[in-house]
Protein backbone atom coordinates (compact mmCIF):
# COMPACT_ATOMS: atom_id res chain seq x y z
CA MET A 1 -0.01 0.06 -0.05
CA PRO A 2 1.49 3.43 -0.92
CA LYS A 3 2.33 5.91 1.80
CA LYS A 4 0.03 8.74 2.47
CA SER A 5 1.68 11.75 0.91
CA LEU A 6 1.03 13.84 4.18
CA ARG A 7 3.51 11.54 5.97
CA THR A 8 6.40 11.44 3.63
CA HIS A 9 9.80 12.99 3.81
CA GLU A 10 8.93 15.20 0.94
CA ASN A 11 5.97 16.68 2.69
CA SER A 12 8.04 17.34 5.78
CA VAL A 13 10.53 19.25 3.60
CA LEU A 14 7.68 21.12 1.99
CA ILE A 15 6.21 22.23 5.38
CA GLY A 16 9.61 23.16 6.64
CA LEU A 17 10.42 25.33 3.56
CA LEU A 18 6.96 27.04 3.82
CA LYS A 19 7.53 28.03 7.46
CA GLU A 20 11.16 29.12 6.59
CA VAL A 21 9.96 31.28 3.71
CA ARG A 22 7.36 32.97 5.81
CA LEU A 23 9.59 33.58 8.78
CA LYS A 24 12.46 34.99 6.45
CA SER A 25 9.89 37.35 5.04
CA GLY A 26 9.15 38.67 8.55
CA LEU A 27 5.44 37.68 8.26
CA THR A 28 3.40 36.24 11.09
CA GLN A 29 0.82 33.69 10.25
CA VAL A 30 -1.86 36.31 10.86
CA ALA A 31 -0.07 38.77 8.52
CA LEU A 32 0.35 36.13 5.87
CA ALA A 33 -3.26 35.00 6.18
CA GLU A 34 -4.41 38.55 5.66
CA ALA A 35 -2.13 38.99 2.66
CA ILE A 36 -3.72 35.96 0.93
CA GLY A 37 -7.33 36.43 2.24
CA HIS A 38 -7.46 33.50 4.64
CA SER A 39 -7.51 33.07 8.36
CA GLN A 40 -4.57 32.41 10.61
CA SER A 41 -5.87 28.93 11.24
CA TYR A 42 -5.61 28.27 7.51
CA ILE A 43 -1.87 29.09 7.63
CA SER A 44 -1.50 27.02 10.83
CA ASP A 45 -3.26 24.02 9.11
CA ILE A 46 -0.86 24.30 6.18
CA GLU A 47 2.25 24.67 8.30
CA SER A 48 1.20 21.76 10.62
CA GLY A 49 0.58 19.40 7.64
CA GLU A 50 -3.11 19.30 8.14
CA LYS A 51 -4.01 21.09 4.89
CA ARG A 52 -2.46 20.64 1.50
CA LEU A 53 -1.92 23.44 -1.04
CA ASP A 54 -2.53 23.20 -4.71
CA LEU A 55 -0.15 24.78 -7.17
CA ILE A 56 -2.10 28.10 -7.26
CA GLN A 57 -2.30 28.40 -3.57
CA LEU A 58 1.40 27.61 -3.20
CA ARG A 59 2.17 30.40 -5.80
CA GLU A 60 0.03 32.80 -3.69
CA TYR A 61 1.86 31.77 -0.51
CA CYS A 62 5.27 32.27 -2.02
CA ALA A 63 4.34 35.66 -3.63
CA ALA A 64 2.99 36.95 -0.28
CA CYS A 65 6.30 35.90 1.27
CA GLY A 66 8.28 37.77 -1.50
CA THR A 67 9.64 34.77 -3.30
CA SER A 68 8.77 33.21 -6.69
CA LEU A 69 7.22 29.71 -7.10
CA LEU A 70 10.21 28.77 -9.31
CA ILE A 71 12.74 29.66 -6.61
CA PHE A 72 10.70 27.80 -3.97
CA VAL A 73 10.45 24.75 -6.14
CA LYS A 74 14.21 24.72 -6.88
CA ARG A 75 14.90 24.97 -3.03
CA PHE A 76 12.39 22.11 -2.54
CA GLU A 77 14.00 19.98 -5.07
CA SER A 78 17.44 20.61 -3.75
CA ALA A 79 16.40 19.81 -0.11
CA VAL A 80 14.59 16.63 -1.05
CA GLN A 81 17.54 15.33 -3.04
CA GLY A 82 19.90 15.80 -0.22
């Protein structure tokens, strides 16, 4: 039986990078949530692994944190590979 994607190494890396990008941008969960039109609990659910992001949502998250989706994905790939 395949692993649930929320419990994989890759998802742990993704969550860690999301938190890192937000913190480096100087945004709180509340400020980020306001910037993308959601509640703080929405950001908390993402950063705790309870909620997944689709590509469009990931792009919004990155943009609000001052980084591009492309840069984020490159960092993700690098971190996953080693």
